[in-house]
Amino acid sequence: MSVNKADQIIAQARRYKEDREKGYREQALKLYPWICGRCTREFDHKNLRELTVHHRDHNHDNNPGDGSNWELLCVYCHDNEHQRFEEQVRYGSKGGGTDSKSPVATFSPFADLKKMMQKD
């Protein structure tokens, strides 16, 4: 494949993504109040670019008109949500390092606290 052809494919993919995002983003901003669904930060026209549309099922092609697959998140909460999703995919639903193969912490630093306090 030539470099020119690859550039055309990349440009077309970017245009498709931008067009798709404009559609559901505009719809979501009309449906929902301009507040982050996680940290409850409020937005106005000056900082609206920092409010993103998150797809709850992580499928960017699933855009029902009623907005049931969307939630508005600030860029920070949106990044956090995607990081959590990646960790869930990578490590499973229990979180990183807590599967049955990992050693479980058994030390309880306060187990004998009452006994230690009665020493005097």
N, C-alpha and C. Protein backbone atom coordinates (compact mmCIF):
# COMPACT_ATOMS: atom_id res chain seq x y z
N MET A 1 0.86 -1.18 0.00
CA MET A 1 0.00 0.00 0.00
C MET A 1 0.90 1.23 0.00
N SER A 2 0.58 2.18 -0.82
CA SER A 2 1.39 3.39 -0.90
C SER A 2 1.11 4.31 0.29
N VAL A 3 2.05 5.20 0.54
CA VAL A 3 1.91 6.15 1.64
C VAL A 3 0.71 7.04 1.42
N ASN A 4 0.50 7.46 0.18
CA ASN A 4 -0.63 8.33 -0.15
C ASN A 4 -1.95 7.62 0.13
N LYS A 5 -2.04 6.36 -0.22
CA LYS A 5 -3.27 5.58 0.02
C LYS A 5 -3.51 5.43 1.53
N ALA A 6 -2.44 5.17 2.28
CA ALA A 6 -2.56 5.04 3.73
C ALA A 6 -3.02 6.35 4.35
N ASP A 7 -2.47 7.47 3.89
CA ASP A 7 -2.89 8.79 4.38
C ASP A 7 -4.37 9.03 4.12
N GLN A 8 -4.83 8.62 2.95
CA GLN A 8 -6.24 8.80 2.59
C GLN A 8 -7.14 7.97 3.51
N ILE A 9 -6.73 6.75 3.80
CA ILE A 9 -7.51 5.87 4.67
C ILE A 9 -7.58 6.44 6.08
N ILE A 10 -6.45 6.94 6.59
CA ILE A 10 -6.41 7.53 7.93
C ILE A 10 -7.27 8.77 7.99
N ALA A 11 -7.18 9.63 6.98
CA ALA A 11 -7.99 10.85 6.94
C ALA A 11 -9.48 10.52 6.89
N GLN A 12 -9.84 9.52 6.12
CA GLN A 12 -11.24 9.10 6.02
C GLN A 12 -11.73 8.56 7.36
N ALA A 13 -10.92 7.77 8.03
CA ALA A 13 -11.30 7.23 9.34
C ALA A 13 -11.48 8.35 10.36
N ARG A 14 -10.61 9.33 10.33
CA ARG A 14 -10.73 10.47 11.24
C ARG A 14 -12.00 11.27 10.98
N ARG A 15 -12.31 11.49 9.71
CA ARG A 15 -13.55 12.22 9.36
C ARG A 15 -14.78 11.45 9.83
N TYR A 16 -14.77 10.14 9.64
CA TYR A 16 -15.88 9.31 10.07
C TYR A 16 -16.06 9.42 11.58
N LYS A 17 -14.95 9.33 12.32
CA LYS A 17 -15.01 9.41 13.77
C LYS A 17 -15.54 10.77 14.22
N GLU A 18 -15.03 11.84 13.62
CA GLU A 18 -15.48 13.19 13.98
C GLU A 18 -16.96 13.38 13.68
N ASP A 19 -17.42 12.91 12.52
CA ASP A 19 -18.84 13.03 12.17
C ASP A 19 -19.72 12.25 13.14
N ARG A 20 -19.28 11.05 13.48
CA ARG A 20 -20.05 10.21 14.41
C ARG A 20 -20.11 10.89 15.77
N GLU A 21 -18.98 11.41 16.25
CA GLU A 21 -18.94 12.05 17.56
C GLU A 21 -19.81 13.30 17.59
N LYS A 22 -19.80 14.07 16.54
CA LYS A 22 -20.62 15.28 16.50
C LYS A 22 -22.09 14.93 16.68
N GLY A 23 -22.51 13.87 16.06
CA GLY A 23 -23.91 13.48 16.16
C GLY A 23 -24.33 13.11 17.56
N TYR A 24 -23.67 12.16 18.19
CA TYR A 24 -24.09 11.72 19.52
C TYR A 24 -23.72 12.73 20.59
N ARG A 25 -22.64 13.46 20.41
CA ARG A 25 -22.27 14.47 21.40
C ARG A 25 -23.32 15.56 21.46
N GLU A 26 -23.72 16.05 20.31
CA GLU A 26 -24.76 17.10 20.27
C GLU A 26 -26.06 16.59 20.89
N GLN A 27 -26.41 15.36 20.61
CA GLN A 27 -27.64 14.79 21.18
C GLN A 27 -27.53 14.69 22.70
N ALA A 28 -26.40 14.18 23.17
CA ALA A 28 -26.21 13.99 24.62
C ALA A 28 -26.23 15.33 25.35
N LEU A 29 -25.63 16.35 24.75
CA LEU A 29 -25.61 17.67 25.40
C LEU A 29 -27.00 18.30 25.46
N LYS A 30 -27.88 17.89 24.55
CA LYS A 30 -29.27 18.37 24.60
C LYS A 30 -30.10 17.58 25.61
N LEU A 31 -29.77 16.30 25.78
CA LEU A 31 -30.55 15.44 26.68
C LEU A 31 -30.21 15.63 28.15
N TYR A 32 -28.94 15.80 28.45
CA TYR A 32 -28.48 15.78 29.83
C TYR A 32 -28.00 17.15 30.30
N PRO A 33 -28.11 17.40 31.61
CA PRO A 33 -27.53 18.65 32.14
C PRO A 33 -26.00 18.59 32.01
N TRP A 34 -25.38 19.73 31.90
CA TRP A 34 -23.93 19.80 31.68
C TRP A 34 -23.18 19.63 33.00
N ILE A 35 -23.27 18.43 33.55
CA ILE A 35 -22.65 18.08 34.82
C ILE A 35 -21.98 16.72 34.66
N CYS A 36 -20.78 16.59 35.19
CA CYS A 36 -20.09 15.30 35.15
C CYS A 36 -20.86 14.30 36.00
N GLY A 37 -21.12 13.14 35.44
CA GLY A 37 -21.88 12.11 36.14
C GLY A 37 -21.14 11.46 37.29
N ARG A 38 -19.85 11.71 37.45
CA ARG A 38 -19.08 11.12 38.53
C ARG A 38 -18.72 12.14 39.60
N CYS A 39 -18.02 13.21 39.20
CA CYS A 39 -17.53 14.18 40.20
C CYS A 39 -18.49 15.35 40.39
N THR A 40 -19.55 15.42 39.62
CA THR A 40 -20.60 16.44 39.66
C THR A 40 -20.10 17.85 39.35
N ARG A 41 -18.98 17.95 38.68
CA ARG A 41 -18.48 19.27 38.24
C ARG A 41 -19.44 19.83 37.21
N GLU A 42 -19.74 21.11 37.32
CA GLU A 42 -20.68 21.77 36.40
C GLU A 42 -19.91 22.46 35.28
N PHE A 43 -20.52 22.50 34.10
CA PHE A 43 -19.89 23.08 32.92
C PHE A 43 -20.79 24.15 32.31
N ASP A 44 -20.14 25.09 31.60
CA ASP A 44 -20.87 26.11 30.86
C ASP A 44 -20.23 26.21 29.48
N HIS A 45 -20.61 27.20 28.71
CA HIS A 45 -20.10 27.31 27.35
C HIS A 45 -18.59 27.51 27.31
N LYS A 46 -18.01 28.10 28.34
CA LYS A 46 -16.57 28.37 28.36
C LYS A 46 -15.72 27.10 28.48
N ASN A 47 -16.19 26.13 29.24
CA ASN A 47 -15.39 24.92 29.47
C ASN A 47 -16.09 23.64 28.99
N LEU A 48 -17.07 23.78 28.14
CA LEU A 48 -17.85 22.63 27.68
C LEU A 48 -16.99 21.60 26.94
N ARG A 49 -15.89 22.05 26.35
CA ARG A 49 -15.02 21.12 25.62
C ARG A 49 -14.42 20.06 26.55
N GLU A 50 -14.42 20.32 27.86
CA GLU A 50 -13.88 19.37 28.83
C GLU A 50 -14.91 18.33 29.28
N LEU A 51 -16.12 18.43 28.77
CA LEU A 51 -17.17 17.47 29.10
C LEU A 51 -17.31 16.49 27.93
N THR A 52 -17.15 15.22 28.22
CA THR A 52 -17.16 14.20 27.17
C THR A 52 -18.39 13.30 27.29
N VAL A 53 -18.66 12.58 26.23
CA VAL A 53 -19.74 11.60 26.24
C VAL A 53 -19.11 10.22 26.38
N HIS A 54 -19.46 9.53 27.44
CA HIS A 54 -18.95 8.18 27.70
C HIS A 54 -20.00 7.16 27.30
N HIS A 55 -19.57 6.14 26.59
CA HIS A 55 -20.47 5.03 26.22
C HIS A 55 -20.42 3.99 27.33
N ARG A 56 -21.50 3.77 27.98
CA ARG A 56 -21.53 2.86 29.13
C ARG A 56 -21.09 1.45 28.78
N ASP A 57 -21.44 0.98 27.57
CA ASP A 57 -21.03 -0.37 27.18
C ASP A 57 -19.71 -0.37 26.40
N HIS A 58 -19.06 0.78 26.31
CA HIS A 58 -17.77 0.96 25.64
C HIS A 58 -17.84 0.68 24.15
N ASN A 59 -19.03 0.68 23.57
CA ASN A 59 -19.22 0.48 22.13
C ASN A 59 -19.60 1.83 21.52
N HIS A 60 -18.67 2.45 20.83
CA HIS A 60 -18.90 3.79 20.29
C HIS A 60 -19.86 3.80 19.11
N ASP A 61 -20.24 2.64 18.62
CA ASP A 61 -21.24 2.57 17.55
C ASP A 61 -22.64 2.35 18.10
N ASN A 62 -22.78 2.13 19.40
CA ASN A 62 -24.09 1.93 20.02
C ASN A 62 -24.58 3.29 20.53
N ASN A 63 -25.35 3.97 19.69
CA ASN A 63 -25.81 5.33 19.99
C ASN A 63 -27.33 5.45 19.88
N PRO A 64 -28.07 4.86 20.81
CA PRO A 64 -29.52 4.97 20.76
C PRO A 64 -29.96 6.43 20.96
N GLY A 65 -30.99 6.82 20.26
CA GLY A 65 -31.47 8.19 20.31
C GLY A 65 -31.92 8.65 21.68
N ASP A 66 -32.30 7.71 22.55
CA ASP A 66 -32.76 8.10 23.89
C ASP A 66 -31.59 8.36 24.86
N GLY A 67 -30.36 8.11 24.40
CA GLY A 67 -29.19 8.37 25.23
C GLY A 67 -28.93 7.35 26.31
N SER A 68 -29.58 6.21 26.26
CA SER A 68 -29.46 5.23 27.34
C SER A 68 -28.07 4.60 27.44
N ASN A 69 -27.23 4.74 26.43
CA ASN A 69 -25.87 4.20 26.49
C ASN A 69 -24.83 5.30 26.76
N TRP A 70 -25.28 6.49 27.06
CA TRP A 70 -24.36 7.61 27.26
C TRP A 70 -24.42 8.14 28.68
N GLU A 71 -23.31 8.71 29.09
CA GLU A 71 -23.29 9.55 30.28
C GLU A 71 -22.23 10.62 30.05
N LEU A 72 -22.49 11.79 30.56
CA LEU A 72 -21.54 12.89 30.42
C LEU A 72 -20.53 12.81 31.56
N LEU A 73 -19.24 12.81 31.19
CA LEU A 73 -18.15 12.76 32.16
C LEU A 73 -17.12 13.80 31.80
N CYS A 74 -16.52 14.41 32.80
CA CYS A 74 -15.41 15.33 32.53
C CYS A 74 -14.25 14.50 31.98
N VAL A 75 -13.29 15.15 31.36
CA VAL A 75 -12.19 14.41 30.74
C VAL A 75 -11.43 13.56 31.76
N TYR A 76 -11.33 14.03 32.99
CA TYR A 76 -10.59 13.29 34.02
C TYR A 76 -11.34 12.02 34.44
N CYS A 77 -12.61 12.16 34.70
CA CYS A 77 -13.42 10.99 35.08
C CYS A 77 -13.55 10.02 33.91
N HIS A 78 -13.61 10.54 32.69
CA HIS A 78 -13.70 9.69 31.50
C HIS A 78 -12.42 8.87 31.36
N ASP A 79 -11.28 9.50 31.51
CA ASP A 79 -10.02 8.75 31.46
C ASP A 79 -9.96 7.69 32.55
N ASN A 80 -10.41 8.05 33.76
CA ASN A 80 -10.42 7.10 34.87
C ASN A 80 -11.32 5.91 34.57
N GLU A 81 -12.48 6.17 34.00
CA GLU A 81 -13.42 5.09 33.67
C GLU A 81 -12.82 4.13 32.65
N HIS A 82 -12.15 4.67 31.64
CA HIS A 82 -11.54 3.79 30.64
C HIS A 82 -10.36 3.02 31.22
N GLN A 83 -9.62 3.63 32.13
CA GLN A 83 -8.52 2.92 32.79
C GLN A 83 -9.07 1.76 33.62
N ARG A 84 -10.13 2.01 34.35
CA ARG A 84 -10.76 0.95 35.16
C ARG A 84 -11.25 -0.19 34.27
N PHE A 85 -11.85 0.17 33.12
CA PHE A 85 -12.34 -0.84 32.19
C PHE A 85 -11.19 -1.69 31.66
N GLU A 86 -10.08 -1.05 31.29
CA GLU A 86 -8.92 -1.79 30.79
C GLU A 86 -8.38 -2.74 31.86
N GLU A 87 -8.34 -2.28 33.10
CA GLU A 87 -7.86 -3.14 34.18
C GLU A 87 -8.81 -4.31 34.41
N GLN A 88 -10.10 -4.07 34.27
CA GLN A 88 -11.07 -5.16 34.44
C GLN A 88 -10.87 -6.19 33.33
N VAL A 89 -10.67 -5.73 32.11
CA VAL A 89 -10.44 -6.66 31.00
C VAL A 89 -9.15 -7.44 31.22
N ARG A 90 -8.12 -6.75 31.66
CA ARG A 90 -6.80 -7.36 31.82
C ARG A 90 -6.75 -8.31 33.01
N TYR A 91 -7.32 -7.89 34.15
CA TYR A 91 -7.16 -8.66 35.39
C TYR A 91 -8.42 -9.37 35.85
N GLY A 92 -9.53 -9.12 35.23
CA GLY A 92 -10.77 -9.74 35.64
C GLY A 92 -11.57 -8.84 36.55
N SER A 93 -12.75 -9.28 36.92
CA SER A 93 -13.67 -8.43 37.67
C SER A 93 -13.22 -8.18 39.11
N LYS A 94 -12.31 -8.99 39.63
CA LYS A 94 -11.87 -8.80 41.01
C LYS A 94 -10.81 -7.72 41.14
N GLY A 95 -10.29 -7.25 40.05
CA GLY A 95 -9.25 -6.22 40.11
C GLY A 95 -7.87 -6.83 40.01
N GLY A 96 -6.88 -5.98 39.86
CA GLY A 96 -5.51 -6.43 39.64
C GLY A 96 -4.93 -7.19 40.81
N GLY A 97 -4.38 -8.36 40.53
CA GLY A 97 -3.64 -9.10 41.53
C GLY A 97 -4.46 -9.81 42.59
N THR A 98 -5.76 -9.87 42.49
CA THR A 98 -6.56 -10.50 43.53
C THR A 98 -7.21 -11.80 43.05
N ASP A 99 -6.70 -12.37 41.98
CA ASP A 99 -7.27 -13.63 41.54
C ASP A 99 -6.80 -14.76 42.46
N SER A 100 -7.31 -15.95 42.25
CA SER A 100 -7.03 -17.07 43.15
C SER A 100 -5.57 -17.49 43.11
N LYS A 101 -4.80 -17.11 42.10
CA LYS A 101 -3.40 -17.48 42.00
C LYS A 101 -2.52 -16.57 42.84
N SER A 102 -2.99 -15.39 43.16
CA SER A 102 -2.21 -14.43 43.94
C SER A 102 -2.29 -14.76 45.42
N PRO A 103 -1.19 -14.53 46.16
CA PRO A 103 -1.24 -14.76 47.60
C PRO A 103 -2.17 -13.75 48.27
N VAL A 104 -2.85 -14.21 49.30
CA VAL A 104 -3.78 -13.36 50.02
C VAL A 104 -3.11 -12.89 51.30
N ALA A 105 -3.24 -11.61 51.59
CA ALA A 105 -2.67 -11.07 52.83
C ALA A 105 -3.45 -11.60 54.02
N THR A 106 -2.72 -12.14 55.00
CA THR A 106 -3.38 -12.70 56.18
C THR A 106 -2.99 -11.98 57.46
N PHE A 107 -2.00 -11.11 57.41
CA PHE A 107 -1.54 -10.41 58.59
C PHE A 107 -2.58 -9.39 59.04
N SER A 108 -2.91 -9.41 60.31
CA SER A 108 -3.86 -8.47 60.88
C SER A 108 -3.15 -7.69 61.97
N PRO A 109 -2.72 -6.45 61.71
CA PRO A 109 -1.90 -5.72 62.66
C PRO A 109 -2.62 -5.39 63.97
N PHE A 110 -3.92 -5.39 64.01
CA PHE A 110 -4.66 -5.02 65.21
C PHE A 110 -5.32 -6.23 65.90
N ALA A 111 -4.93 -7.41 65.52
CA ALA A 111 -5.57 -8.61 66.07
C ALA A 111 -5.44 -8.69 67.59
N ASP A 112 -4.30 -8.37 68.14
CA ASP A 112 -4.08 -8.46 69.59
C ASP A 112 -4.06 -7.09 70.26
N LEU A 113 -4.68 -6.12 69.71
CA LEU A 113 -4.64 -4.77 70.24
C LEU A 113 -5.22 -4.70 71.65
N LYS A 114 -6.35 -5.35 71.87
CA LYS A 114 -6.97 -5.31 73.19
C LYS A 114 -6.04 -5.92 74.24
N LYS A 115 -5.41 -7.03 73.90
CA LYS A 115 -4.48 -7.69 74.81
C LYS A 115 -3.27 -6.81 75.09
N MET A 116 -2.75 -6.15 74.04
CA MET A 116 -1.59 -5.28 74.20
C MET A 116 -1.92 -4.06 75.06
N MET A 117 -3.13 -3.57 75.01
CA MET A 117 -3.54 -2.41 75.78
C MET A 117 -3.74 -2.76 77.26
N GLN A 118 -4.08 -4.01 77.55
CA GLN A 118 -4.31 -4.43 78.93
C GLN A 118 -3.03 -4.86 79.62
N LYS A 119 -1.90 -4.76 78.97
CA LYS A 119 -0.62 -5.19 79.53
C LYS A 119 -0.24 -4.46 80.80
N ASP A 120 -0.52 -3.18 80.91
CA ASP A 120 -0.14 -2.38 82.08
C ASP A 120 -1.02 -2.60 83.25
